[in-house]
Amino acid sequence: MITLYVLMTYRETLMRLKEMERDNLIEIQSKSIVVTEKGKPFIRNICMAFDVLLQRKKPETQLFSMTV
């Protein structure tokens, strides 16, 4: 059961990161993720892709610390 959860979480995170890669905010490499110059102002958004609790509670969670 835990293995399935980790796999689902990994896939969801990767999907969010792929969208950011299409926007040229990051570059996904074989063993790393590189934030581009264009992506630096959005580093907080990029990090939010890894926040499993945040993603699971959407849309019921109101974010008080919004990004610009």
Protein backbone atom coordinates (compact mmCIF):
# COMPACT_ATOMS: atom_id res chain seq x y z
CA MET A 1 0.00 0.00 0.00
CA ILE A 2 2.78 2.47 0.85
CA THR A 3 4.60 1.67 -2.39
CA LEU A 4 1.48 2.53 -4.40
CA TYR A 5 1.07 5.81 -2.48
CA VAL A 6 4.68 6.80 -3.12
CA LEU A 7 4.35 5.93 -6.81
CA MET A 8 1.14 7.98 -7.13
CA THR A 9 2.75 10.91 -5.31
CA TYR A 10 5.82 10.72 -7.55
CA ARG A 11 3.68 10.71 -10.70
CA GLU A 12 1.59 13.67 -9.52
CA THR A 13 4.71 15.65 -8.63
CA LEU A 14 6.32 14.82 -11.95
CA MET A 15 3.21 15.98 -13.82
CA ARG A 16 3.33 19.35 -12.02
CA LEU A 17 7.05 19.67 -12.72
CA LYS A 18 6.60 18.81 -16.41
CA GLU A 19 4.18 21.73 -16.72
CA MET A 20 6.80 24.03 -15.21
CA GLU A 21 9.40 22.61 -17.57
CA ARG A 22 7.16 23.44 -20.56
CA ASP A 23 7.04 27.00 -19.25
CA ASN A 24 10.87 27.04 -19.15
CA LEU A 25 10.92 27.57 -15.38
CA ILE A 26 12.93 24.40 -14.71
CA GLU A 27 14.98 21.79 -16.55
CA ILE A 28 14.42 18.19 -15.48
CA GLN A 29 17.67 16.26 -15.82
CA SER A 30 18.38 12.59 -15.10
CA LYS A 31 19.42 13.17 -11.48
CA SER A 32 18.47 16.76 -10.76
CA ILE A 33 16.09 19.61 -11.38
CA VAL A 34 17.63 22.93 -12.41
CA VAL A 35 15.77 26.18 -11.86
CA THR A 36 16.28 28.47 -14.85
CA GLU A 37 16.78 32.23 -14.65
CA LYS A 38 13.18 32.64 -15.75
CA GLY A 39 12.10 30.29 -12.94
CA LYS A 40 13.97 31.97 -10.07
CA PRO A 41 11.13 34.38 -9.23
CA PHE A 42 8.84 31.31 -9.01
CA ILE A 43 11.03 29.16 -6.74
CA ARG A 44 8.32 29.05 -4.09
CA ASN A 45 5.80 27.74 -6.63
CA ILE A 46 8.31 25.16 -7.81
CA CYS A 47 8.86 23.94 -4.25
CA MET A 48 5.10 23.71 -3.71
CA ALA A 49 5.02 20.92 -6.31
CA PHE A 50 6.73 18.70 -3.72
CA ASP A 51 4.30 19.54 -0.88
CA VAL A 52 2.10 16.44 -0.78
CA LEU A 53 -0.16 17.74 1.99
CA LEU A 54 -0.81 20.97 0.12
CA GLN A 55 -1.73 19.08 -3.05
CA ARG A 56 -3.94 16.56 -1.22
CA LYS A 57 -5.98 19.27 0.52
CA LYS A 58 -6.69 21.30 -2.62
CA PRO A 59 -9.16 22.98 -3.10
CA GLU A 60 -10.40 22.94 0.51
CA THR A 61 -7.22 24.55 1.83
CA GLN A 62 -7.04 28.33 1.72
CA LEU A 63 -3.49 29.53 1.27
CA PHE A 64 -2.79 32.53 3.46
CA SER A 65 0.71 33.02 2.15
CA MET A 66 0.02 33.41 -1.54
CA THR A 67 2.72 33.74 -4.15
CA VAL A 68 2.78 36.70 -6.48
